[in-house]
Amino acid sequence: MIDGAGYQLGYDYKTDKIVEFKPAAETASKLITFGHVNLQNPKNAYEIQQITPGEAFTVDFDLQPTHYVLPAERQLALVIHGADMAQTQRPTAVVNYHIDRASSSISLPFRVNENG
């Protein structure tokens, strides 16, 4: 653990710990970072963003910083899901999210390993 309360969750002044992942045996998949955004309060806890069903809107959020060595020939995947019981209350209504991949982007700082 790097910081016990360093990752701001953006609601009720709650925080989460910033952690570093220790090297482990290679597996088919591995979670290397995560992020959270409250779609109705993306900027702060007191300013509500109105969301109109069927109308596009933009969100920006940071992923938890981490250092990870991606083995050669492996791929990165981004998983997006609509409710996280640790962060939000599960809605009773069915909600569908559509991601405009042509207009979406992710920026990842990286460094090439000079040691091969």
PDB file of N, CA and C in Angstrom:
ATOM      1  N   MET A   1       0.844  -1.171   0.000  1.00  0.00           N
ATOM      2  CA  MET A   1       0.000   0.000   0.000  1.00  0.00           C
ATOM      3  C   MET A   1       0.892   1.238   0.000  1.00  0.00           C
ATOM      4  N   ILE A   2       0.585   2.157  -0.905  1.00  0.00           N
ATOM      5  CA  ILE A   2       1.352   3.387  -1.033  1.00  0.00           C
ATOM      6  C   ILE A   2       0.770   4.485  -0.155  1.00  0.00           C
ATOM      7  N   ASP A   3      -0.561   4.636  -0.200  1.00  0.00           N
ATOM      8  CA  ASP A   3      -1.241   5.684   0.570  1.00  0.00           C
ATOM      9  C   ASP A   3      -2.602   5.145   0.987  1.00  0.00           C
ATOM     10  N   GLY A   4      -2.893   5.161   2.270  1.00  0.00           N
ATOM     11  CA  GLY A   4      -4.132   4.587   2.796  1.00  0.00           C
ATOM     12  C   GLY A   4      -5.390   5.321   2.397  1.00  0.00           C
ATOM     13  N   ALA A   5      -5.292   6.576   1.989  1.00  0.00           N
ATOM     14  CA  ALA A   5      -6.486   7.342   1.614  1.00  0.00           C
ATOM     15  C   ALA A   5      -6.179   8.280   0.454  1.00  0.00           C
ATOM     16  N   GLY A   6      -5.324   7.858  -0.462  1.00  0.00           N
ATOM     17  CA  GLY A   6      -4.852   8.753  -1.516  1.00  0.00           C
ATOM     18  C   GLY A   6      -5.697   8.819  -2.765  1.00  0.00           C
ATOM     19  N   TYR A   7      -6.614   7.882  -2.969  1.00  0.00           N
ATOM     20  CA  TYR A   7      -7.428   7.849  -4.182  1.00  0.00           C
ATOM     21  C   TYR A   7      -8.810   8.381  -3.849  1.00  0.00           C
ATOM     22  N   GLN A   8      -9.147   9.582  -4.350  1.00  0.00           N
ATOM     23  CA  GLN A   8     -10.431  10.222  -4.069  1.00  0.00           C
ATOM     24  C   GLN A   8     -11.543   9.562  -4.879  1.00  0.00           C
ATOM     25  N   LEU A   9     -12.600   9.106  -4.208  1.00  0.00           N
ATOM     26  CA  LEU A   9     -13.709   8.465  -4.899  1.00  0.00           C
ATOM     27  C   LEU A   9     -14.765   9.459  -5.352  1.00  0.00           C
ATOM     28  N   GLY A  10     -14.773  10.668  -4.802  1.00  0.00           N
ATOM     29  CA  GLY A  10     -15.642  11.720  -5.304  1.00  0.00           C
ATOM     30  C   GLY A  10     -17.040  11.735  -4.746  1.00  0.00           C
ATOM     31  N   TYR A  11     -17.313  10.997  -3.682  1.00  0.00           N
ATOM     32  CA  TYR A  11     -18.630  11.078  -3.058  1.00  0.00           C
ATOM     33  C   TYR A  11     -18.466  10.887  -1.557  1.00  0.00           C
ATOM     34  N   ASP A  12     -19.248  11.596  -0.783  1.00  0.00           N
ATOM     35  CA  ASP A  12     -19.200  11.517   0.675  1.00  0.00           C
ATOM     36  C   ASP A  12     -17.780  11.645   1.223  1.00  0.00           C
ATOM     37  N   TYR A  13     -16.915  12.309   0.487  1.00  0.00           N
ATOM     38  CA  TYR A  13     -15.523  12.526   0.896  1.00  0.00           C
ATOM     39  C   TYR A  13     -14.784  11.213   1.148  1.00  0.00           C
ATOM     40  N   LYS A  14     -15.232  10.120   0.520  1.00  0.00           N
ATOM     41  CA  LYS A  14     -14.595   8.816   0.733  1.00  0.00           C
ATOM     42  C   LYS A  14     -13.349   8.688  -0.133  1.00  0.00           C
ATOM     43  N   THR A  15     -12.451   7.859   0.330  1.00  0.00           N
ATOM     44  CA  THR A  15     -11.205   7.607  -0.382  1.00  0.00           C
ATOM     45  C   THR A  15     -10.946   6.104  -0.413  1.00  0.00           C
ATOM     46  N   ASP A  16     -10.001   5.715  -1.222  1.00  0.00           N
ATOM     47  CA  ASP A  16      -9.560   4.326  -1.272  1.00  0.00           C
ATOM     48  C   ASP A  16      -8.044   4.337  -1.231  1.00  0.00           C
ATOM     49  N   LYS A  17      -7.470   3.214  -0.948  1.00  0.00           N
ATOM     50  CA  LYS A  17      -6.012   3.147  -0.842  1.00  0.00           C
ATOM     51  C   LYS A  17      -5.365   3.045  -2.222  1.00  0.00           C
ATOM     52  N   ILE A  18      -4.206   3.656  -2.367  1.00  0.00           N
ATOM     53  CA  ILE A  18      -3.403   3.502  -3.574  1.00  0.00           C
ATOM     54  C   ILE A  18      -2.458   2.343  -3.312  1.00  0.00           C
ATOM     55  N   VAL A  19      -2.481   1.369  -4.199  1.00  0.00           N
ATOM     56  CA  VAL A  19      -1.671   0.173  -4.013  1.00  0.00           C
ATOM     57  C   VAL A  19      -0.786  -0.050  -5.233  1.00  0.00           C
ATOM     58  N   GLU A  20       0.286  -0.759  -5.036  1.00  0.00           N
ATOM     59  CA  GLU A  20       1.144  -1.228  -6.123  1.00  0.00           C
ATOM     60  C   GLU A  20       0.964  -2.735  -6.212  1.00  0.00           C
ATOM     61  N   PHE A  21       0.991  -3.265  -7.413  1.00  0.00           N
ATOM     62  CA  PHE A  21       0.840  -4.688  -7.598  1.00  0.00           C
ATOM     63  C   PHE A  21       2.208  -5.362  -7.545  1.00  0.00           C
ATOM     64  N   LYS A  22       2.302  -6.429  -6.770  1.00  0.00           N
ATOM     65  CA  LYS A  22       3.549  -7.181  -6.683  1.00  0.00           C
ATOM     66  C   LYS A  22       3.606  -8.179  -7.835  1.00  0.00           C
ATOM     67  N   PRO A  23       4.812  -8.452  -8.350  1.00  0.00           N
ATOM     68  CA  PRO A  23       4.921  -9.455  -9.413  1.00  0.00           C
ATOM     69  C   PRO A  23       4.346 -10.788  -8.935  1.00  0.00           C
ATOM     70  N   ALA A  24       3.652 -11.453  -9.814  1.00  0.00           N
ATOM     71  CA  ALA A  24       3.055 -12.753  -9.489  1.00  0.00           C
ATOM     72  C   ALA A  24       3.238 -13.677 -10.682  1.00  0.00           C
ATOM     73  N   ALA A  25       2.884 -14.907 -10.489  1.00  0.00           N
ATOM     74  CA  ALA A  25       2.966 -15.856 -11.591  1.00  0.00           C
ATOM     75  C   ALA A  25       2.062 -15.387 -12.714  1.00  0.00           C
ATOM     76  N   GLU A  26       2.468 -15.650 -13.943  1.00  0.00           N
ATOM     77  CA  GLU A  26       1.713 -15.212 -15.099  1.00  0.00           C
ATOM     78  C   GLU A  26       0.355 -15.910 -15.147  1.00  0.00           C
ATOM     79  N   THR A  27      -0.693 -15.142 -15.397  1.00  0.00           N
ATOM     80  CA  THR A  27      -2.040 -15.688 -15.536  1.00  0.00           C
ATOM     81  C   THR A  27      -2.626 -15.197 -16.849  1.00  0.00           C
ATOM     82  N   ALA A  28      -3.770 -15.742 -17.211  1.00  0.00           N
ATOM     83  CA  ALA A  28      -4.406 -15.340 -18.461  1.00  0.00           C
ATOM     84  C   ALA A  28      -4.851 -13.880 -18.406  1.00  0.00           C
ATOM     85  N   SER A  29      -5.306 -13.420 -17.248  1.00  0.00           N
ATOM     86  CA  SER A  29      -5.778 -12.044 -17.093  1.00  0.00           C
ATOM     87  C   SER A  29      -5.325 -11.498 -15.751  1.00  0.00           C
ATOM     88  N   LYS A  30      -5.166 -10.184 -15.708  1.00  0.00           N
ATOM     89  CA  LYS A  30      -4.722  -9.564 -14.463  1.00  0.00           C
ATOM     90  C   LYS A  30      -5.249  -8.137 -14.413  1.00  0.00           C
ATOM     91  N   LEU A  31      -5.871  -7.771 -13.297  1.00  0.00           N
ATOM     92  CA  LEU A  31      -6.305  -6.399 -13.080  1.00  0.00           C
ATOM     93  C   LEU A  31      -5.076  -5.576 -12.712  1.00  0.00           C
ATOM     94  N   ILE A  32      -4.806  -4.512 -13.476  1.00  0.00           N
ATOM     95  CA  ILE A  32      -3.619  -3.715 -13.179  1.00  0.00           C
ATOM     96  C   ILE A  32      -3.957  -2.302 -12.733  1.00  0.00           C
ATOM     97  N   THR A  33      -5.204  -1.870 -12.902  1.00  0.00           N
ATOM     98  CA  THR A  33      -5.617  -0.556 -12.413  1.00  0.00           C
ATOM     99  C   THR A  33      -7.135  -0.466 -12.446  1.00  0.00           C
ATOM    100  N   PHE A  34      -7.689   0.547 -11.817  1.00  0.00           N
ATOM    101  CA  PHE A  34      -9.129   0.765 -11.886  1.00  0.00           C
ATOM    102  C   PHE A  34      -9.420   2.242 -11.730  1.00  0.00           C
ATOM    103  N   GLY A  35     -10.618   2.632 -12.089  1.00  0.00           N
ATOM    104  CA  GLY A  35     -11.059   4.010 -11.939  1.00  0.00           C
ATOM    105  C   GLY A  35     -12.548   4.038 -11.667  1.00  0.00           C
ATOM    106  N   HIS A  36     -13.049   5.167 -11.224  1.00  0.00           N
ATOM    107  CA  HIS A  36     -14.469   5.297 -10.909  1.00  0.00           C
ATOM    108  C   HIS A  36     -14.926   6.700 -11.245  1.00  0.00           C
ATOM    109  N   VAL A  37     -16.118   6.806 -11.789  1.00  0.00           N
ATOM    110  CA  VAL A  37     -16.729   8.112 -12.005  1.00  0.00           C
ATOM    111  C   VAL A  37     -18.217   7.980 -11.709  1.00  0.00           C
ATOM    112  N   ASN A  38     -18.746   8.937 -10.984  1.00  0.00           N
ATOM    113  CA  ASN A  38     -20.171   9.011 -10.733  1.00  0.00           C
ATOM    114  C   ASN A  38     -20.751   9.825 -11.877  1.00  0.00           C
ATOM    115  N   LEU A  39     -21.553   9.223 -12.724  1.00  0.00           N
ATOM    116  CA  LEU A  39     -22.028   9.900 -13.933  1.00  0.00           C
ATOM    117  C   LEU A  39     -22.883  11.128 -13.640  1.00  0.00           C
ATOM    118  N   GLN A  40     -23.585  11.143 -12.530  1.00  0.00           N
ATOM    119  CA  GLN A  40     -24.402  12.310 -12.208  1.00  0.00           C
ATOM    120  C   GLN A  40     -23.596  13.396 -11.497  1.00  0.00           C
ATOM    121  N   ASN A  41     -22.486  13.041 -10.897  1.00  0.00           N
ATOM    122  CA  ASN A  41     -21.622  14.004 -10.205  1.00  0.00           C
ATOM    123  C   ASN A  41     -20.177  13.807 -10.649  1.00  0.00           C
ATOM    124  N   PRO A  42     -19.858  13.998 -11.934  1.00  0.00           N
ATOM    125  CA  PRO A  42     -18.514  13.692 -12.405  1.00  0.00           C
ATOM    126  C   PRO A  42     -17.446  14.685 -11.950  1.00  0.00           C
ATOM    127  N   LYS A  43     -17.828  15.919 -11.615  1.00  0.00           N
ATOM    128  CA  LYS A  43     -16.844  16.940 -11.237  1.00  0.00           C
ATOM    129  C   LYS A  43     -16.657  17.039  -9.731  1.00  0.00           C
ATOM    130  N   ASN A  44     -17.760  16.980  -8.988  1.00  0.00           N
ATOM    131  CA  ASN A  44     -17.704  17.072  -7.530  1.00  0.00           C
ATOM    132  C   ASN A  44     -19.015  16.549  -6.962  1.00  0.00           C
ATOM    133  N   ALA A  45     -19.095  16.442  -5.638  1.00  0.00           N
ATOM    134  CA  ALA A  45     -20.253  15.838  -4.988  1.00  0.00           C
ATOM    135  C   ALA A  45     -21.480  16.738  -4.947  1.00  0.00           C
ATOM    136  N   TYR A  46     -21.314  18.022  -5.199  1.00  0.00           N
ATOM    137  CA  TYR A  46     -22.439  18.942  -5.049  1.00  0.00           C
ATOM    138  C   TYR A  46     -22.978  19.494  -6.368  1.00  0.00           C
ATOM    139  N   GLU A  47     -22.380  19.155  -7.493  1.00  0.00           N
ATOM    140  CA  GLU A  47     -22.815  19.662  -8.794  1.00  0.00           C
ATOM    141  C   GLU A  47     -23.340  18.500  -9.632  1.00  0.00           C
ATOM    142  N   ILE A  48     -24.651  18.502  -9.893  1.00  0.00           N
ATOM    143  CA  ILE A  48     -25.284  17.405 -10.621  1.00  0.00           C
ATOM    144  C   ILE A  48     -25.262  17.679 -12.119  1.00  0.00           C
ATOM    145  N   GLN A  49     -24.851  16.684 -12.887  1.00  0.00           N
ATOM    146  CA  GLN A  49     -24.899  16.760 -14.343  1.00  0.00           C
ATOM    147  C   GLN A  49     -26.172  16.032 -14.779  1.00  0.00           C
ATOM    148  N   GLN A  50     -27.059  16.746 -15.449  1.00  0.00           N
ATOM    149  CA  GLN A  50     -28.287  16.125 -15.933  1.00  0.00           C
ATOM    150  C   GLN A  50     -27.959  15.174 -17.084  1.00  0.00           C
ATOM    151  N   ILE A  51     -28.486  13.974 -17.016  1.00  0.00           N
ATOM    152  CA  ILE A  51     -28.272  12.974 -18.055  1.00  0.00           C
ATOM    153  C   ILE A  51     -29.617  12.694 -18.709  1.00  0.00           C
ATOM    154  N   THR A  52     -29.678  12.884 -20.013  1.00  0.00           N
ATOM    155  CA  THR A  52     -30.897  12.629 -20.770  1.00  0.00           C
ATOM    156  C   THR A  52     -30.732  11.316 -21.518  1.00  0.00           C
ATOM    157  N   PRO A  53     -31.604  10.349 -21.261  1.00  0.00           N
ATOM    158  CA  PRO A  53     -31.492   9.059 -21.969  1.00  0.00           C
ATOM    159  C   PRO A  53     -31.472   9.253 -23.476  1.00  0.00           C
ATOM    160  N   GLY A  54     -30.548   8.551 -24.138  1.00  0.00           N
ATOM    161  CA  GLY A  54     -30.414   8.629 -25.581  1.00  0.00           C
ATOM    162  C   GLY A  54     -29.574   9.783 -26.083  1.00  0.00           C
ATOM    163  N   GLU A  55     -29.148  10.667 -25.181  1.00  0.00           N
ATOM    164  CA  GLU A  55     -28.342  11.826 -25.561  1.00  0.00           C
ATOM    165  C   GLU A  55     -26.895  11.604 -25.107  1.00  0.00           C
ATOM    166  N   ALA A  56     -25.957  11.848 -26.004  1.00  0.00           N
ATOM    167  CA  ALA A  56     -24.542  11.611 -25.699  1.00  0.00           C
ATOM    168  C   ALA A  56     -24.025  12.602 -24.657  1.00  0.00           C
ATOM    169  N   PHE A  57     -23.086  12.146 -23.828  1.00  0.00           N
ATOM    170  CA  PHE A  57     -22.394  13.021 -22.887  1.00  0.00           C
ATOM    171  C   PHE A  57     -20.981  12.493 -22.693  1.00  0.00           C
ATOM    172  N   THR A  58     -20.112  13.341 -22.183  1.00  0.00           N
ATOM    173  CA  THR A  58     -18.700  13.010 -22.040  1.00  0.00           C
ATOM    174  C   THR A  58     -18.304  12.936 -20.579  1.00  0.00           C
ATOM    175  N   VAL A  59     -17.470  11.971 -20.230  1.00  0.00           N
ATOM    176  CA  VAL A  59     -16.885  11.888 -18.899  1.00  0.00           C
ATOM    177  C   VAL A  59     -15.379  11.746 -19.033  1.00  0.00           C
ATOM    178  N   ASP A  60     -14.666  12.326 -18.101  1.00  0.00           N
ATOM    179  CA  ASP A  60     -13.214  12.187 -17.998  1.00  0.00           C
ATOM    180  C   ASP A  60     -12.902  11.748 -16.582  1.00  0.00           C
ATOM    181  N   PHE A  61     -12.011  10.774 -16.434  1.00  0.00           N
ATOM    182  CA  PHE A  61     -11.595  10.356 -15.097  1.00  0.00           C
ATOM    183  C   PHE A  61     -10.235   9.686 -15.187  1.00  0.00           C
ATOM    184  N   ASP A  62      -9.549   9.695 -14.066  1.00  0.00           N
ATOM    185  CA  ASP A  62      -8.221   9.096 -13.987  1.00  0.00           C
ATOM    186  C   ASP A  62      -8.317   7.664 -13.492  1.00  0.00           C
ATOM    187  N   LEU A  63      -7.398   6.845 -13.956  1.00  0.00           N
ATOM    188  CA  LEU A  63      -7.235   5.506 -13.419  1.00  0.00           C
ATOM    189  C   LEU A  63      -6.219   5.569 -12.289  1.00  0.00           C
ATOM    190  N   GLN A  64      -6.307   4.640 -11.356  1.00  0.00           N
ATOM    191  CA  GLN A  64      -5.347   4.610 -10.257  1.00  0.00           C
ATOM    192  C   GLN A  64      -3.958   4.394 -10.836  1.00  0.00           C
ATOM    193  N   PRO A  65      -3.005   5.270 -10.493  1.00  0.00           N
ATOM    194  CA  PRO A  65      -1.661   5.098 -11.058  1.00  0.00           C
ATOM    195  C   PRO A  65      -1.002   3.818 -10.544  1.00  0.00           C
ATOM    196  N   THR A  66      -0.277   3.159 -11.414  1.00  0.00           N
ATOM    197  CA  THR A  66       0.438   1.946 -11.039  1.00  0.00           C
ATOM    198  C   THR A  66       1.603   1.739 -11.997  1.00  0.00           C
ATOM    199  N   HIS A  67       2.534   0.915 -11.596  1.00  0.00           N
ATOM    200  CA  HIS A  67       3.639   0.502 -12.463  1.00  0.00           C
ATOM    201  C   HIS A  67       3.419  -0.973 -12.760  1.00  0.00           C
ATOM    202  N   TYR A  68       3.439  -1.325 -14.020  1.00  0.00           N
ATOM    203  CA  TYR A  68       3.214  -2.714 -14.398  1.00  0.00           C
ATOM    204  C   TYR A  68       4.051  -3.028 -15.618  1.00  0.00           C
ATOM    205  N   VAL A  69       4.693  -4.178 -15.616  1.00  0.00           N
ATOM    206  CA  VAL A  69       5.463  -4.634 -16.774  1.00  0.00           C
ATOM    207  C   VAL A  69       4.560  -5.564 -17.564  1.00  0.00           C
ATOM    208  N   LEU A  70       4.192  -5.120 -18.776  1.00  0.00           N
ATOM    209  CA  LEU A  70       3.338  -5.920 -19.642  1.00  0.00           C
ATOM    210  C   LEU A  70       4.221  -6.875 -20.440  1.00  0.00           C
ATOM    211  N   PRO A  71       4.071  -8.178 -20.218  1.00  0.00           N
ATOM    212  CA  PRO A  71       4.907  -9.129 -20.951  1.00  0.00           C
ATOM    213  C   PRO A  71       4.700  -9.006 -22.458  1.00  0.00           C
ATOM    214  N   ALA A  72       5.749  -9.330 -23.216  1.00  0.00           N
ATOM    215  CA  ALA A  72       5.665  -9.286 -24.679  1.00  0.00           C
ATOM    216  C   ALA A  72       4.516 -10.169 -25.157  1.00  0.00           C
ATOM    217  N   GLU A  73       3.883  -9.746 -26.233  1.00  0.00           N
ATOM    218  CA  GLU A  73       2.779 -10.480 -26.867  1.00  0.00           C
ATOM    219  C   GLU A  73       1.482 -10.458 -26.059  1.00  0.00           C
ATOM    220  N   ARG A  74       1.425  -9.718 -24.962  1.00  0.00           N
ATOM    221  CA  ARG A  74       0.175  -9.594 -24.201  1.00  0.00           C
ATOM    222  C   ARG A  74      -0.585  -8.380 -24.704  1.00  0.00           C
ATOM    223  N   GLN A  75      -1.871  -8.305 -24.388  1.00  0.00           N
ATOM    224  CA  GLN A  75      -2.713  -7.196 -24.813  1.00  0.00           C
ATOM    225  C   GLN A  75      -3.363  -6.557 -23.596  1.00  0.00           C
ATOM    226  N   LEU A  76      -3.680  -5.253 -23.736  1.00  0.00           N
ATOM    227  CA  LEU A  76      -4.439  -4.549 -22.713  1.00  0.00           C
ATOM    228  C   LEU A  76      -5.909  -4.555 -23.087  1.00  0.00           C
ATOM    229  N   ALA A  77      -6.776  -4.639 -22.095  1.00  0.00           N
ATOM    230  CA  ALA A  77      -8.213  -4.541 -22.314  1.00  0.00           C
ATOM    231  C   ALA A  77      -8.786  -3.561 -21.306  1.00  0.00           C
ATOM    232  N   LEU A  78      -9.765  -2.813 -21.721  1.00  0.00           N
ATOM    233  CA  LEU A  78     -10.461  -1.879 -20.845  1.00  0.00           C
ATOM    234  C   LEU A  78     -11.855  -2.436 -20.590  1.00  0.00           C
ATOM    235  N   VAL A  79     -12.203  -2.635 -19.330  1.00  0.00           N
ATOM    236  CA  VAL A  79     -13.516  -3.149 -18.963  1.00  0.00           C
ATOM    237  C   VAL A  79     -14.311  -2.007 -18.351  1.00  0.00           C
ATOM    238  N   ILE A  80     -15.502  -1.765 -18.868  1.00  0.00           N
ATOM    239  CA  ILE A  80     -16.378  -0.712 -18.362  1.00  0.00           C
ATOM    240  C   ILE A  80     -17.656  -1.386 -17.880  1.00  0.00           C
ATOM    241  N   HIS A  81     -18.045  -1.070 -16.645  1.00  0.00           N
ATOM    242  CA  HIS A  81     -19.310  -1.621 -16.169  1.00  0.00           C
ATOM    243  C   HIS A  81     -20.107  -0.537 -15.468  1.00  0.00           C
ATOM    244  N   GLY A  82     -21.416  -0.745 -15.341  1.00  0.00           N
ATOM    245  CA  GLY A  82     -22.327   0.312 -14.946  1.00  0.00           C
ATOM    246  C   GLY A  82     -22.575   0.503 -13.479  1.00  0.00           C
ATOM    247  N   ALA A  83     -22.340  -0.474 -12.633  1.00  0.00           N
ATOM    248  CA  ALA A  83     -22.578  -0.295 -11.200  1.00  0.00           C
ATOM    249  C   ALA A  83     -21.518  -1.073 -10.436  1.00  0.00           C
ATOM    250  N   ASP A  84     -21.025  -0.470  -9.398  1.00  0.00           N
ATOM    251  CA  ASP A  84     -20.029  -1.102  -8.540  1.00  0.00           C
ATOM    252  C   ASP A  84     -20.563  -1.024  -7.121  1.00  0.00           C
ATOM    253  N   MET A  85     -20.882  -2.157  -6.557  1.00  0.00           N
ATOM    254  CA  MET A  85     -21.507  -2.158  -5.230  1.00  0.00           C
ATOM    255  C   MET A  85     -20.626  -1.510  -4.170  1.00  0.00           C
ATOM    256  N   ALA A  86     -19.321  -1.509  -4.380  1.00  0.00           N
ATOM    257  CA  ALA A  86     -18.437  -0.857  -3.411  1.00  0.00           C
ATOM    258  C   ALA A  86     -18.522   0.660  -3.524  1.00  0.00           C
ATOM    259  N   GLN A  87     -18.972   1.174  -4.670  1.00  0.00           N
ATOM    260  CA  GLN A  87     -18.980   2.608  -4.915  1.00  0.00           C
ATOM    261  C   GLN A  87     -20.383   3.195  -4.967  1.00  0.00           C
ATOM    262  N   THR A  88     -21.362   2.452  -5.467  1.00  0.00           N
ATOM    263  CA  THR A  88     -22.692   3.007  -5.714  1.00  0.00           C
ATOM    264  C   THR A  88     -23.777   2.030  -5.297  1.00  0.00           C
ATOM    265  N   GLN A  89     -24.998   2.515  -5.245  1.00  0.00           N
ATOM    266  CA  GLN A  89     -26.138   1.639  -5.017  1.00  0.00           C
ATOM    267  C   GLN A  89     -26.617   1.126  -6.366  1.00  0.00           C
ATOM    268  N   ARG A  90     -26.944  -0.136  -6.412  1.00  0.00           N
ATOM    269  CA  ARG A  90     -27.403  -0.722  -7.670  1.00  0.00           C
ATOM    270  C   ARG A  90     -28.798  -0.189  -7.997  1.00  0.00           C
ATOM    271  N   PRO A  91     -28.987   0.372  -9.199  1.00  0.00           N
ATOM    272  CA  PRO A  91     -30.303   0.914  -9.560  1.00  0.00           C
ATOM    273  C   PRO A  91     -31.307  -0.214  -9.802  1.00  0.00           C
ATOM    274  N   THR A  92     -32.586   0.081  -9.596  1.00  0.00           N
ATOM    275  CA  THR A  92     -33.617  -0.926  -9.849  1.00  0.00           C
ATOM    276  C   THR A  92     -33.985  -0.978 -11.326  1.00  0.00           C
ATOM    277  N   ALA A  93     -33.851   0.132 -12.038  1.00  0.00           N
ATOM    278  CA  ALA A  93     -34.158   0.161 -13.470  1.00  0.00           C
ATOM    279  C   ALA A  93     -32.983  -0.376 -14.278  1.00  0.00           C
ATOM    280  N   VAL A  94     -33.286  -1.011 -15.404  1.00  0.00           N
ATOM    281  CA  VAL A  94     -32.247  -1.504 -16.301  1.00  0.00           C
ATOM    282  C   VAL A  94     -31.669  -0.311 -17.059  1.00  0.00           C
ATOM    283  N   VAL A  95     -30.348  -0.194 -17.049  1.00  0.00           N
ATOM    284  CA  VAL A  95     -29.668   0.906 -17.725  1.00  0.00           C
ATOM    285  C   VAL A  95     -28.688   0.307 -18.730  1.00  0.00           C
ATOM    286  N   ASN A  96     -28.715   0.820 -19.950  1.00  0.00           N
ATOM    287  CA  ASN A  96     -27.773   0.381 -20.976  1.00  0.00           C
ATOM    288  C   ASN A  96     -26.867   1.542 -21.336  1.00  0.00           C
ATOM    289  N   TYR A  97     -25.564   1.291 -21.360  1.00  0.00           N
ATOM    290  CA  TYR A  97     -24.586   2.294 -21.754  1.00  0.00           C
ATOM    291  C   TYR A  97     -24.048   1.932 -23.125  1.00  0.00           C
ATOM    292  N   HIS A  98     -23.850   2.933 -23.951  1.00  0.00           N
ATOM    293  CA  HIS A  98     -23.275   2.733 -25.278  1.00  0.00           C
ATOM    294  C   HIS A  98     -22.037   3.609 -25.378  1.00  0.00           C
ATOM    295  N   ILE A  99     -20.927   3.010 -25.720  1.00  0.00           N
ATOM    296  CA  ILE A  99     -19.657   3.718 -25.821  1.00  0.00           C
ATOM    297  C   ILE A  99     -19.377   4.018 -27.293  1.00  0.00           C
ATOM    298  N   ASP A 100     -19.153   5.284 -27.596  1.00  0.00           N
ATOM    299  CA  ASP A 100     -18.781   5.687 -28.958  1.00  0.00           C
ATOM    300  C   ASP A 100     -17.271   5.482 -29.089  1.00  0.00           C
ATOM    301  N   ARG A 101     -16.880   4.313 -29.567  1.00  0.00           N
ATOM    302  CA  ARG A 101     -15.452   3.982 -29.631  1.00  0.00           C
ATOM    303  C   ARG A 101     -14.685   4.897 -30.574  1.00  0.00           C
ATOM    304  N   ALA A 102     -15.331   5.402 -31.613  1.00  0.00           N
ATOM    305  CA  ALA A 102     -14.646   6.292 -32.560  1.00  0.00           C
ATOM    306  C   ALA A 102     -14.292   7.626 -31.906  1.00  0.00           C
ATOM    307  N   SER A 103     -15.067   8.038 -30.901  1.00  0.00           N
ATOM    308  CA  SER A 103     -14.823   9.317 -30.240  1.00  0.00           C
ATOM    309  C   SER A 103     -14.204   9.155 -28.852  1.00  0.00           C
ATOM    310  N   SER A 104     -13.858   7.933 -28.474  1.00  0.00           N
ATOM    311  CA  SER A 104     -13.300   7.668 -27.146  1.00  0.00           C
ATOM    312  C   SER A 104     -11.790   7.533 -27.220  1.00  0.00           C
ATOM    313  N   SER A 105     -11.126   7.858 -26.120  1.00  0.00           N
ATOM    314  CA  SER A 105      -9.668   7.705 -26.082  1.00  0.00           C
ATOM    315  C   SER A 105      -9.226   7.381 -24.666  1.00  0.00           C
ATOM    316  N   ILE A 106      -8.053   6.792 -24.587  1.00  0.00           N
ATOM    317  CA  ILE A 106      -7.409   6.518 -23.305  1.00  0.00           C
ATOM    318  C   ILE A 106      -5.929   6.854 -23.480  1.00  0.00           C
ATOM    319  N   SER A 107      -5.379   7.556 -22.508  1.00  0.00           N
ATOM    320  CA  SER A 107      -3.957   7.928 -22.566  1.00  0.00           C
ATOM    321  C   SER A 107      -3.210   7.166 -21.482  1.00  0.00           C
ATOM    322  N   LEU A 108      -2.213   6.411 -21.907  1.00  0.00           N
ATOM    323  CA  LEU A 108      -1.423   5.611 -20.972  1.00  0.00           C
ATOM    324  C   LEU A 108       0.047   5.975 -21.120  1.00  0.00           C
ATOM    325  N   PRO A 109       0.653   6.513 -20.064  1.00  0.00           N
ATOM    326  CA  PRO A 109       2.101   6.742 -20.151  1.00  0.00           C
ATOM    327  C   PRO A 109       2.816   5.387 -20.134  1.00  0.00           C
ATOM    328  N   PHE A 110       3.828   5.241 -20.950  1.00  0.00           N
ATOM    329  CA  PHE A 110       4.558   3.980 -20.946  1.00  0.00           C
ATOM    330  C   PHE A 110       6.033   4.212 -21.217  1.00  0.00           C
ATOM    331  N   ARG A 111       6.814   3.234 -20.859  1.00  0.00           N
ATOM    332  CA  ARG A 111       8.251   3.287 -21.084  1.00  0.00           C
ATOM    333  C   ARG A 111       8.668   1.923 -21.629  1.00  0.00           C
ATOM    334  N   VAL A 112       9.442   1.921 -22.671  1.00  0.00           N
ATOM    335  CA  VAL A 112       9.963   0.684 -23.256  1.00  0.00           C
ATOM    336  C   VAL A 112      11.097   0.184 -22.372  1.00  0.00           C
ATOM    337  N   ASN A 113      11.060  -1.096 -22.055  1.00  0.00           N
ATOM    338  CA  ASN A 113      12.085  -1.724 -21.234  1.00  0.00           C
ATOM    339  C   ASN A 113      13.362  -1.899 -22.066  1.00  0.00           C
ATOM    340  N   GLU A 114      14.415  -1.189 -21.697  1.00  0.00           N
ATOM    341  CA  GLU A 114      15.663  -1.263 -22.456  1.00  0.00           C
ATOM    342  C   GLU A 114      16.378  -2.593 -22.250  1.00  0.00           C
ATOM    343  N   ASN A 115      15.990  -3.363 -21.227  1.00  0.00           N
ATOM    344  CA  ASN A 115      16.664  -4.629 -20.927  1.00  0.00           C
ATOM    345  C   ASN A 115      16.045  -5.793 -21.669  1.00  0.00           C
ATOM    346  N   GLY A 116      15.111  -5.508 -22.573  1.00  0.00           N
ATOM    347  CA  GLY A 116      14.508  -6.568 -23.360  1.00  0.00           C
ATOM    348  C   GLY A 116      13.322  -7.123 -22.696  1.00  0.00           C
TER     349      GLY A 116
END
